[in-house]
Amino acid sequence: MFLPDVLLPQQILELRNGGHATGERHLLIAVLEDAIHCFQKFMFPKNAQQRRLFREAEQWLMSEELDTPLTFNSICHVIGLDPSYLRRGLHKWQEQRLAQQWRPRASAGAIQLRAAKTLSREPARVRK
């Protein structure tokens, strides 16, 4: 049989299964889900292993490589997702989490002090 020199990852899966790539599709989805899970769960790592898992997931998710069937871009194309759209969503999620993490939080004492000051103020005088 004559096969082209370059095959898309989806074409390789279809050739392997005679057009039915459900098992492989599920595996690719699981790989993608695991990377997103590690990216989100370990964004604020508690130890070296979590830091490594986050860094590896981030590098894989943000990579623009297309040369092998198991790159982020290739998996997205095979399962029908737009990789740049997914990346934008992950960046937005990451920015929101970072903003929440570094937002100064008021202590309960500071809130009570502010409330007491507000209540103790004299009412504003009305000019006649």
Protein backbone atom coordinates (compact mmCIF):
# COMPACT_ATOMS: atom_id res chain seq x y z
CA MET A 1 0.00 0.00 0.00
CA PHE A 2 1.12 3.53 -0.69
CA LEU A 3 0.96 5.85 2.32
CA PRO A 4 1.91 9.53 2.38
CA ASP A 5 5.20 10.43 4.08
CA VAL A 6 3.47 12.67 6.62
CA LEU A 7 0.32 11.62 8.44
CA LEU A 8 -1.72 13.63 10.88
CA PRO A 9 -2.10 12.04 14.33
CA GLN A 10 -5.79 11.48 13.64
CA GLN A 11 -4.96 9.66 10.42
CA ILE A 12 -2.52 7.38 12.25
CA LEU A 13 -5.22 6.49 14.77
CA GLU A 14 -7.76 5.83 12.03
CA LEU A 15 -5.32 3.59 10.16
CA ARG A 16 -4.57 1.66 13.31
CA ASN A 17 -8.24 1.01 14.06
CA GLY A 18 -9.80 0.86 10.64
CA GLY A 19 -11.57 4.18 11.22
CA HIS A 20 -12.72 3.54 14.80
CA ALA A 21 -10.50 5.42 17.20
CA THR A 22 -12.71 5.47 20.30
CA GLY A 23 -10.22 3.81 22.67
CA GLU A 24 -7.37 6.02 21.56
CA ARG A 25 -9.63 9.07 21.66
CA HIS A 26 -10.50 8.31 25.28
CA LEU A 27 -6.81 7.92 26.09
CA LEU A 28 -5.96 11.27 24.48
CA ILE A 29 -8.77 12.95 26.40
CA ALA A 30 -7.44 11.41 29.62
CA VAL A 31 -3.94 12.75 28.88
CA LEU A 32 -5.38 16.24 28.30
CA GLU A 33 -7.55 16.08 31.42
CA ASP A 34 -4.60 14.99 33.56
CA ALA A 35 -2.45 17.87 32.31
CA ILE A 36 -5.20 20.42 33.03
CA HIS A 37 -5.80 18.85 36.44
CA CYS A 38 -2.08 19.09 37.36
CA PHE A 39 -1.93 22.67 36.05
CA GLN A 40 -4.89 23.75 38.18
CA LYS A 41 -4.32 21.67 41.30
CA PHE A 42 -0.61 22.39 41.69
CA MET A 43 -0.49 26.05 40.67
CA PHE A 44 0.36 26.85 44.29
CA PRO A 45 2.58 23.85 45.11
CA LYS A 46 3.29 22.69 48.63
CA ASN A 47 6.36 20.62 47.81
CA ALA A 48 8.93 19.86 45.11
CA GLN A 49 6.88 17.07 43.50
CA GLN A 50 3.85 19.33 43.08
CA ARG A 51 6.09 22.09 41.70
CA ARG A 52 7.50 19.61 39.15
CA LEU A 53 4.02 18.39 38.15
CA PHE A 54 2.80 21.96 37.65
CA ARG A 55 5.88 22.95 35.65
CA GLU A 56 5.64 19.88 33.38
CA ALA A 57 1.91 20.38 32.80
CA GLU A 58 2.39 24.09 32.08
CA GLN A 59 5.21 23.43 29.62
CA TRP A 60 3.20 20.76 27.80
CA LEU A 61 0.00 22.84 27.66
CA MET A 62 1.77 25.97 26.43
CA SER A 63 4.00 24.21 23.90
CA GLU A 64 3.32 24.99 20.24
CA GLU A 65 4.90 21.75 18.97
CA LEU A 66 3.10 19.72 16.32
CA ASP A 67 5.71 17.13 15.42
CA THR A 68 4.46 14.13 17.43
CA PRO A 69 1.02 12.65 18.08
CA LEU A 70 1.14 13.33 21.83
CA THR A 71 1.78 17.07 21.84
CA PHE A 72 -0.93 19.34 23.22
CA ASN A 73 -1.71 20.78 19.78
CA SER A 74 -1.92 17.34 18.17
CA ILE A 75 -4.23 15.96 20.85
CA CYS A 76 -6.48 19.02 20.61
CA HIS A 77 -6.75 18.66 16.84
CA VAL A 78 -7.54 14.94 17.08
CA ILE A 79 -10.33 15.41 19.62
CA GLY A 80 -11.68 18.54 17.94
CA LEU A 81 -10.61 21.33 20.29
CA ASP A 82 -9.01 24.66 19.42
CA PRO A 83 -5.70 24.66 21.34
CA SER A 84 -5.34 28.46 21.36
CA TYR A 85 -8.87 28.87 22.77
CA LEU A 86 -8.10 26.36 25.53
CA ARG A 87 -4.79 28.12 26.29
CA ARG A 88 -6.55 31.49 26.57
CA GLY A 89 -9.02 29.97 29.01
CA LEU A 90 -6.21 28.50 31.11
CA HIS A 91 -4.36 31.84 31.13
CA LYS A 92 -7.52 33.65 32.21
CA TRP A 93 -8.14 31.10 34.97
CA GLN A 94 -4.52 31.42 36.11
CA GLU A 95 -4.69 35.24 36.20
CA GLN A 96 -7.87 35.10 38.29
CA ARG A 97 -6.32 32.65 40.75
CA LEU A 98 -3.18 34.77 41.06
CA ALA A 99 -5.27 37.87 41.67
CA GLN A 100 -7.21 36.06 44.39
CA GLN A 101 -4.02 34.74 45.96
CA TRP A 102 -2.33 38.15 46.20
CA ARG A 103 -5.38 40.31 46.99
CA PRO A 104 -4.91 41.88 50.44
CA ARG A 105 -7.42 40.44 52.83
CA ALA A 106 -8.88 42.54 55.60
CA SER A 107 -8.73 40.93 59.03
CA ALA A 108 -11.85 40.64 61.18
CA GLY A 109 -10.37 43.20 63.60
CA ALA A 110 -9.83 45.73 60.83
CA ILE A 111 -13.40 45.30 59.61
CA GLN A 112 -14.77 45.78 63.16
CA LEU A 113 -12.59 48.87 63.68
CA ARG A 114 -13.84 50.40 60.41
CA ALA A 115 -17.44 49.66 61.36
CA ALA A 116 -16.97 51.24 64.79
CA LYS A 117 -15.46 54.40 63.28
CA THR A 118 -18.32 54.67 60.80
CA LEU A 119 -20.96 54.30 63.51
CA SER A 120 -19.27 56.76 65.88
CA ARG A 121 -19.13 59.63 63.39
CA GLU A 122 -21.35 62.57 63.99
CA PRO A 123 -24.13 62.92 61.47
CA ALA A 124 -23.35 65.33 58.69
CA ARG A 125 -24.64 68.82 59.25
CA VAL A 126 -27.05 70.08 56.70
CA ARG A 127 -26.49 73.65 55.51
CA LYS A 128 -29.49 75.87 55.46
